[in-house]
């Protein structure tokens, strides 16, 4: 697993390798999704036909918090905002886990909680940390039955708009175990935004009335 740290707002100007990595990830994701969801074909952002699957950003509503609550418009704690990646991390929120210590940042919001939803596949290219203050010093994550090593991200404290970019992104299949945890050195509001995109098989998984 290779990665780089950078300023998020300089991605397009100074990190052309990220754009190349995203292109490779997109090409791989399209081919993989067309194989898994055959005979459907990729229909880009707006689907005009029922024989297509589409693409959108990572949506909070497909992830859950530490307590197992999906980050959708019904998210239980109104102080956190709704349908957003912004969460309030303390030793009792979203669930009881002592700070300083490890807390779950995101997990699959499907059924059961901890797995990604049906008919949604994720291309994961990295993480952005839009907060003025960063309370996390380490992260670790699991995809399927594979556990990845701890990554120390204290270097990000030196950046104004920090981002962590994988040199080669990950494809997270539908109904697959996904867990992202962080070591929090203090409590506070934190916004951790996955970079990349989703592929969806059905319009009703990404469109609500």
C-alpha atoms as a PDB file:
ATOM      1  CA  UNK A   1       0.000   0.000   0.000  1.00  0.00           C
ATOM      2  CA  UNK A   2       1.574   3.271  -1.177  1.00  0.00           C
ATOM      3  CA  UNK A   3       0.270   6.747  -0.395  1.00  0.00           C
ATOM      4  CA  UNK A   4       1.206  10.427  -0.354  1.00  0.00           C
ATOM      5  CA  UNK A   5       0.222  13.432   1.786  1.00  0.00           C
ATOM      6  CA  UNK A   6      -0.644  16.734   0.120  1.00  0.00           C
ATOM      7  CA  UNK A   7      -2.717  19.905   0.154  1.00  0.00           C
ATOM      8  CA  UNK A   8      -6.153  19.049  -1.217  1.00  0.00           C
ATOM      9  CA  UNK A   9      -6.545  22.298  -3.197  1.00  0.00           C
ATOM     10  CA  UNK A  10      -3.267  21.639  -5.067  1.00  0.00           C
ATOM     11  CA  UNK A  11      -4.255  18.214  -6.376  1.00  0.00           C
ATOM     12  CA  UNK A  12      -4.938  19.213  -9.967  1.00  0.00           C
ATOM     13  CA  UNK A  13      -2.035  21.636 -10.276  1.00  0.00           C
ATOM     14  CA  UNK A  14       0.815  19.799  -8.594  1.00  0.00           C
ATOM     15  CA  UNK A  15      -0.189  16.137  -8.342  1.00  0.00           C
ATOM     16  CA  UNK A  16      -0.828  15.003 -11.906  1.00  0.00           C
ATOM     17  CA  UNK A  17       0.010  11.457 -10.805  1.00  0.00           C
ATOM     18  CA  UNK A  18      -3.220  11.524  -8.773  1.00  0.00           C
ATOM     19  CA  UNK A  19      -5.224  12.287 -11.910  1.00  0.00           C
ATOM     20  CA  UNK A  20      -3.451   9.419 -13.666  1.00  0.00           C
ATOM     21  CA  UNK A  21      -4.155   7.122 -10.723  1.00  0.00           C
ATOM     22  CA  UNK A  22      -7.831   8.150 -10.770  1.00  0.00           C
ATOM     23  CA  UNK A  23      -8.029   7.425 -14.485  1.00  0.00           C
ATOM     24  CA  UNK A  24      -6.572   3.946 -13.971  1.00  0.00           C
ATOM     25  CA  UNK A  25      -8.962   3.343 -11.084  1.00  0.00           C
ATOM     26  CA  UNK A  26     -11.930   4.503 -13.163  1.00  0.00           C
ATOM     27  CA  UNK A  27     -10.997   2.276 -16.096  1.00  0.00           C
ATOM     28  CA  UNK A  28     -10.564  -0.700 -13.785  1.00  0.00           C
ATOM     29  CA  UNK A  29     -13.829   0.057 -11.978  1.00  0.00           C
ATOM     30  CA  UNK A  30     -15.828   0.340 -15.216  1.00  0.00           C
ATOM     31  CA  UNK A  31     -14.455  -2.940 -16.582  1.00  0.00           C
ATOM     32  CA  UNK A  32     -14.934  -4.728 -13.260  1.00  0.00           C
ATOM     33  CA  UNK A  33     -18.480  -3.409 -12.798  1.00  0.00           C
ATOM     34  CA  UNK A  34     -19.487  -4.322 -16.352  1.00  0.00           C
ATOM     35  CA  UNK A  35     -18.270  -7.861 -15.657  1.00  0.00           C
ATOM     36  CA  UNK A  36     -20.079  -8.123 -12.312  1.00  0.00           C
ATOM     37  CA  UNK A  37     -23.300  -6.425 -13.478  1.00  0.00           C
ATOM     38  CA  UNK A  38     -23.449  -7.845 -17.019  1.00  0.00           C
ATOM     39  CA  UNK A  39     -25.234  -7.186 -19.320  1.00  0.00           C
ATOM     40  CA  UNK A  40     -25.475  -3.621 -17.943  1.00  0.00           C
ATOM     41  CA  UNK A  41     -23.129  -1.024 -19.440  1.00  0.00           C
ATOM     42  CA  UNK A  42     -21.668   2.125 -17.910  1.00  0.00           C
ATOM     43  CA  UNK A  43     -23.988   5.119 -18.385  1.00  0.00           C
ATOM     44  CA  UNK A  44     -21.899   7.835 -16.695  1.00  0.00           C
ATOM     45  CA  UNK A  45     -23.611  10.343 -14.403  1.00  0.00           C
ATOM     46  CA  UNK A  46     -27.153  10.557 -15.741  1.00  0.00           C
ATOM     47  CA  UNK A  47     -28.803   7.264 -16.690  1.00  0.00           C
ATOM     48  CA  UNK A  48     -31.144   7.431 -19.653  1.00  0.00           C
ATOM     49  CA  UNK A  49     -31.773   3.710 -20.052  1.00  0.00           C
ATOM     50  CA  UNK A  50     -32.525   0.786 -17.746  1.00  0.00           C
ATOM     51  CA  UNK A  51     -29.667  -1.265 -19.218  1.00  0.00           C
ATOM     52  CA  UNK A  52     -27.048   1.034 -17.678  1.00  0.00           C
ATOM     53  CA  UNK A  53     -25.354   1.553 -14.326  1.00  0.00           C
ATOM     54  CA  UNK A  54     -24.167   4.966 -13.181  1.00  0.00           C
ATOM     55  CA  UNK A  55     -21.563   6.905 -11.234  1.00  0.00           C
ATOM     56  CA  UNK A  56     -21.707   9.482  -8.454  1.00  0.00           C
ATOM     57  CA  UNK A  57     -19.622  10.687  -5.506  1.00  0.00           C
ATOM     58  CA  UNK A  58     -19.207   8.796  -2.222  1.00  0.00           C
ATOM     59  CA  UNK A  59     -22.487   9.400  -0.389  1.00  0.00           C
ATOM     60  CA  UNK A  60     -22.707   9.603   3.430  1.00  0.00           C
ATOM     61  CA  UNK A  61     -25.997   7.693   3.282  1.00  0.00           C
ATOM     62  CA  UNK A  62     -24.076   4.541   2.281  1.00  0.00           C
ATOM     63  CA  UNK A  63     -21.853   4.685   5.371  1.00  0.00           C
ATOM     64  CA  UNK A  64     -22.596   4.305   9.111  1.00  0.00           C
ATOM     65  CA  UNK A  65     -21.069   5.782  12.263  1.00  0.00           C
ATOM     66  CA  UNK A  66     -19.473   4.011  15.209  1.00  0.00           C
ATOM     67  CA  UNK A  67     -22.866   3.348  16.802  1.00  0.00           C
ATOM     68  CA  UNK A  68     -24.185   1.723  13.628  1.00  0.00           C
ATOM     69  CA  UNK A  69     -26.397   4.667  12.602  1.00  0.00           C
ATOM     70  CA  UNK A  70     -26.427   5.343   8.861  1.00  0.00           C
ATOM     71  CA  UNK A  71     -25.255   8.848   7.936  1.00  0.00           C
ATOM     72  CA  UNK A  72     -28.467   9.737   6.103  1.00  0.00           C
ATOM     73  CA  UNK A  73     -31.220  12.309   6.637  1.00  0.00           C
ATOM     74  CA  UNK A  74     -32.459  10.324   9.671  1.00  0.00           C
ATOM     75  CA  UNK A  75     -29.089  10.348  11.446  1.00  0.00           C
ATOM     76  CA  UNK A  76     -30.055  10.403  15.110  1.00  0.00           C
ATOM     77  CA  UNK A  77     -27.842  13.119  16.597  1.00  0.00           C
ATOM     78  CA  UNK A  78     -28.922  16.471  15.101  1.00  0.00           C
ATOM     79  CA  UNK A  79     -25.796  18.219  16.426  1.00  0.00           C
ATOM     80  CA  UNK A  80     -23.696  16.387  13.842  1.00  0.00           C
ATOM     81  CA  UNK A  81     -25.625  17.569  10.839  1.00  0.00           C
ATOM     82  CA  UNK A  82     -27.476  15.124   8.609  1.00  0.00           C
ATOM     83  CA  UNK A  83     -26.466  13.444   5.381  1.00  0.00           C
ATOM     84  CA  UNK A  84     -22.876  14.524   5.972  1.00  0.00           C
ATOM     85  CA  UNK A  85     -19.513  13.023   6.904  1.00  0.00           C
ATOM     86  CA  UNK A  86     -19.217  15.473   9.818  1.00  0.00           C
ATOM     87  CA  UNK A  87     -19.299  13.644  13.168  1.00  0.00           C
ATOM     88  CA  UNK A  88     -18.760  14.469  16.832  1.00  0.00           C
ATOM     89  CA  UNK A  89     -16.185  12.197  18.464  1.00  0.00           C
ATOM     90  CA  UNK A  90     -15.938  11.920  22.260  1.00  0.00           C
ATOM     91  CA  UNK A  91     -15.475   9.058  24.708  1.00  0.00           C
ATOM     92  CA  UNK A  92     -19.263   8.516  24.608  1.00  0.00           C
ATOM     93  CA  UNK A  93     -20.106   9.660  21.066  1.00  0.00           C
ATOM     94  CA  UNK A  94     -20.982   8.202  18.602  1.00  0.00           C
ATOM     95  CA  UNK A  95     -20.453   5.192  20.917  1.00  0.00           C
ATOM     96  CA  UNK A  96     -18.534   4.455  24.117  1.00  0.00           C
ATOM     97  CA  UNK A  97     -14.816   4.210  23.302  1.00  0.00           C
ATOM     98  CA  UNK A  98     -12.212   6.079  25.323  1.00  0.00           C
ATOM     99  CA  UNK A  99     -10.343   9.061  23.919  1.00  0.00           C
ATOM    100  CA  UNK A 100      -7.355   9.089  23.560  1.00  0.00           C
ATOM    101  CA  UNK A 101      -7.929   5.833  21.734  1.00  0.00           C
ATOM    102  CA  UNK A 102      -9.253   4.115  18.618  1.00  0.00           C
ATOM    103  CA  UNK A 103     -12.685   5.132  17.291  1.00  0.00           C
ATOM    104  CA  UNK A 104     -14.621   3.936  14.252  1.00  0.00           C
ATOM    105  CA  UNK A 105     -14.798   6.748  11.699  1.00  0.00           C
ATOM    106  CA  UNK A 106     -16.824   4.997   9.003  1.00  0.00           C
ATOM    107  CA  UNK A 107     -18.183   1.528   8.334  1.00  0.00           C
ATOM    108  CA  UNK A 108     -20.409   0.015   5.690  1.00  0.00           C
ATOM    109  CA  UNK A 109     -23.996   1.229   5.990  1.00  0.00           C
ATOM    110  CA  UNK A 110     -25.687  -1.780   4.417  1.00  0.00           C
ATOM    111  CA  UNK A 111     -27.475  -4.758   5.960  1.00  0.00           C
ATOM    112  CA  UNK A 112     -26.042  -5.845   8.290  1.00  0.00           C
ATOM    113  CA  UNK A 113     -24.225  -2.714   9.409  1.00  0.00           C
ATOM    114  CA  UNK A 114     -20.539  -3.046   8.649  1.00  0.00           C
ATOM    115  CA  UNK A 115     -20.993  -4.168   5.051  1.00  0.00           C
ATOM    116  CA  UNK A 116     -21.499  -1.896   2.060  1.00  0.00           C
ATOM    117  CA  UNK A 117     -25.009  -1.664   0.559  1.00  0.00           C
ATOM    118  CA  UNK A 118     -26.335  -3.928  -2.156  1.00  0.00           C
ATOM    119  CA  UNK A 119     -25.984  -2.653  -5.746  1.00  0.00           C
ATOM    120  CA  UNK A 120     -23.363  -0.036  -4.840  1.00  0.00           C
ATOM    121  CA  UNK A 121     -19.616  -0.401  -5.518  1.00  0.00           C
ATOM    122  CA  UNK A 122     -16.945   2.030  -4.291  1.00  0.00           C
ATOM    123  CA  UNK A 123     -13.717   3.277  -5.870  1.00  0.00           C
ATOM    124  CA  UNK A 124     -11.623   4.591  -2.983  1.00  0.00           C
ATOM    125  CA  UNK A 125      -8.751   6.938  -3.845  1.00  0.00           C
ATOM    126  CA  UNK A 126      -7.939   8.503  -0.466  1.00  0.00           C
ATOM    127  CA  UNK A 127      -9.219  10.763   2.309  1.00  0.00           C
ATOM    128  CA  UNK A 128      -9.668  14.503   2.755  1.00  0.00           C
ATOM    129  CA  UNK A 129      -9.707  16.198   6.175  1.00  0.00           C
ATOM    130  CA  UNK A 130     -11.446  19.589   5.681  1.00  0.00           C
ATOM    131  CA  UNK A 131     -11.408  20.607   9.368  1.00  0.00           C
ATOM    132  CA  UNK A 132      -9.332  23.501  10.656  1.00  0.00           C
ATOM    133  CA  UNK A 133      -8.301  21.184  13.496  1.00  0.00           C
ATOM    134  CA  UNK A 134      -7.254  17.561  13.014  1.00  0.00           C
ATOM    135  CA  UNK A 135      -7.745  15.310  16.034  1.00  0.00           C
ATOM    136  CA  UNK A 136      -6.604  12.050  14.402  1.00  0.00           C
ATOM    137  CA  UNK A 137      -2.983  10.868  14.405  1.00  0.00           C
ATOM    138  CA  UNK A 138      -3.326   7.356  12.929  1.00  0.00           C
ATOM    139  CA  UNK A 139      -5.761   5.427  10.744  1.00  0.00           C
ATOM    140  CA  UNK A 140      -6.284   1.791   9.873  1.00  0.00           C
ATOM    141  CA  UNK A 141      -8.874   0.086   7.685  1.00  0.00           C
ATOM    142  CA  UNK A 142     -10.298  -3.250   6.587  1.00  0.00           C
ATOM    143  CA  UNK A 143     -11.788  -4.242   3.226  1.00  0.00           C
ATOM    144  CA  UNK A 144     -13.399  -7.652   2.971  1.00  0.00           C
ATOM    145  CA  UNK A 145     -11.247 -10.102   4.919  1.00  0.00           C
ATOM    146  CA  UNK A 146      -8.072  -8.037   4.449  1.00  0.00           C
ATOM    147  CA  UNK A 147      -6.699  -5.823   7.236  1.00  0.00           C
ATOM    148  CA  UNK A 148      -4.259  -3.098   6.237  1.00  0.00           C
ATOM    149  CA  UNK A 149      -1.423  -1.750   8.415  1.00  0.00           C
ATOM    150  CA  UNK A 150      -1.702   1.294  10.654  1.00  0.00           C
ATOM    151  CA  UNK A 151      -0.791   4.554   8.898  1.00  0.00           C
ATOM    152  CA  UNK A 152       0.596   7.423  10.987  1.00  0.00           C
ATOM    153  CA  UNK A 153      -0.888  10.661   9.632  1.00  0.00           C
ATOM    154  CA  UNK A 154       0.611  13.171  12.083  1.00  0.00           C
ATOM    155  CA  UNK A 155       2.424  14.777   9.142  1.00  0.00           C
ATOM    156  CA  UNK A 156      -0.978  16.026   7.969  1.00  0.00           C
ATOM    157  CA  UNK A 157      -1.056  18.394  10.947  1.00  0.00           C
ATOM    158  CA  UNK A 158       1.432  20.538   8.995  1.00  0.00           C
ATOM    159  CA  UNK A 159      -1.003  21.075   6.118  1.00  0.00           C
ATOM    160  CA  UNK A 160      -3.755  23.665   5.759  1.00  0.00           C
ATOM    161  CA  UNK A 161      -6.167  21.448   3.777  1.00  0.00           C
ATOM    162  CA  UNK A 162      -4.721  17.965   4.236  1.00  0.00           C
ATOM    163  CA  UNK A 163      -5.410  14.932   2.090  1.00  0.00           C
ATOM    164  CA  UNK A 164      -4.088  11.376   1.997  1.00  0.00           C
ATOM    165  CA  UNK A 165      -3.930   9.840  -1.485  1.00  0.00           C
ATOM    166  CA  UNK A 166      -3.435   6.193  -2.369  1.00  0.00           C
ATOM    167  CA  UNK A 167      -1.075   5.761  -5.300  1.00  0.00           C
ATOM    168  CA  UNK A 168      -3.253   2.842  -6.377  1.00  0.00           C
ATOM    169  CA  UNK A 169      -6.861   3.037  -5.240  1.00  0.00           C
ATOM    170  CA  UNK A 170      -9.125   0.294  -3.927  1.00  0.00           C
ATOM    171  CA  UNK A 171     -12.326  -1.215  -5.294  1.00  0.00           C
ATOM    172  CA  UNK A 172     -14.800  -2.054  -2.528  1.00  0.00           C
ATOM    173  CA  UNK A 173     -17.476  -4.462  -3.831  1.00  0.00           C
ATOM    174  CA  UNK A 174     -21.149  -4.330  -2.901  1.00  0.00           C
ATOM    175  CA  UNK A 175     -22.117  -6.132   0.326  1.00  0.00           C
ATOM    176  CA  UNK A 176     -18.470  -6.190   1.393  1.00  0.00           C
ATOM    177  CA  UNK A 177     -17.037  -5.594   4.867  1.00  0.00           C
ATOM    178  CA  UNK A 178     -15.602  -2.073   5.207  1.00  0.00           C
ATOM    179  CA  UNK A 179     -14.204  -0.443   8.346  1.00  0.00           C
ATOM    180  CA  UNK A 180     -12.165   2.750   8.807  1.00  0.00           C
ATOM    181  CA  UNK A 181     -10.830   3.564  12.284  1.00  0.00           C
ATOM    182  CA  UNK A 182      -8.746   6.406  13.654  1.00  0.00           C
ATOM    183  CA  UNK A 183      -6.650   7.112  16.748  1.00  0.00           C
ATOM    184  CA  UNK A 184      -8.104  10.241  18.351  1.00  0.00           C
ATOM    185  CA  UNK A 185      -5.862  12.221  20.682  1.00  0.00           C
ATOM    186  CA  UNK A 186      -8.674  14.566  21.740  1.00  0.00           C
ATOM    187  CA  UNK A 187     -12.435  15.041  21.312  1.00  0.00           C
ATOM    188  CA  UNK A 188     -14.161  17.261  18.791  1.00  0.00           C
ATOM    189  CA  UNK A 189     -16.016  17.588  15.527  1.00  0.00           C
ATOM    190  CA  UNK A 190     -14.228  15.880  12.651  1.00  0.00           C
ATOM    191  CA  UNK A 191     -15.042  15.617   8.963  1.00  0.00           C
ATOM    192  CA  UNK A 192     -13.324  12.724   7.163  1.00  0.00           C
ATOM    193  CA  UNK A 193     -14.357  12.614   3.503  1.00  0.00           C
ATOM    194  CA  UNK A 194     -13.540   9.619   1.267  1.00  0.00           C
ATOM    195  CA  UNK A 195     -12.098  10.569  -2.130  1.00  0.00           C
ATOM    196  CA  UNK A 196     -13.175   8.653  -5.196  1.00  0.00           C
ATOM    197  CA  UNK A 197     -16.593   7.681  -6.516  1.00  0.00           C
ATOM    198  CA  UNK A 198     -19.415   5.137  -6.434  1.00  0.00           C
ATOM    199  CA  UNK A 199     -20.934   2.988  -9.139  1.00  0.00           C
ATOM    200  CA  UNK A 200     -24.616   2.203  -8.629  1.00  0.00           C
ATOM    201  CA  UNK A 201     -26.755  -0.430 -10.266  1.00  0.00           C
ATOM    202  CA  UNK A 202     -30.170   1.066  -9.460  1.00  0.00           C
ATOM    203  CA  UNK A 203     -31.257   4.711  -9.530  1.00  0.00           C
ATOM    204  CA  UNK A 204     -33.215   4.367  -6.281  1.00  0.00           C
ATOM    205  CA  UNK A 205     -29.960   3.757  -4.383  1.00  0.00           C
ATOM    206  CA  UNK A 206     -28.801   7.322  -5.111  1.00  0.00           C
ATOM    207  CA  UNK A 207     -32.020   9.278  -5.772  1.00  0.00           C
ATOM    208  CA  UNK A 208     -34.559  10.126  -3.100  1.00  0.00           C
ATOM    209  CA  UNK A 209     -37.838  11.976  -3.587  1.00  0.00           C
END
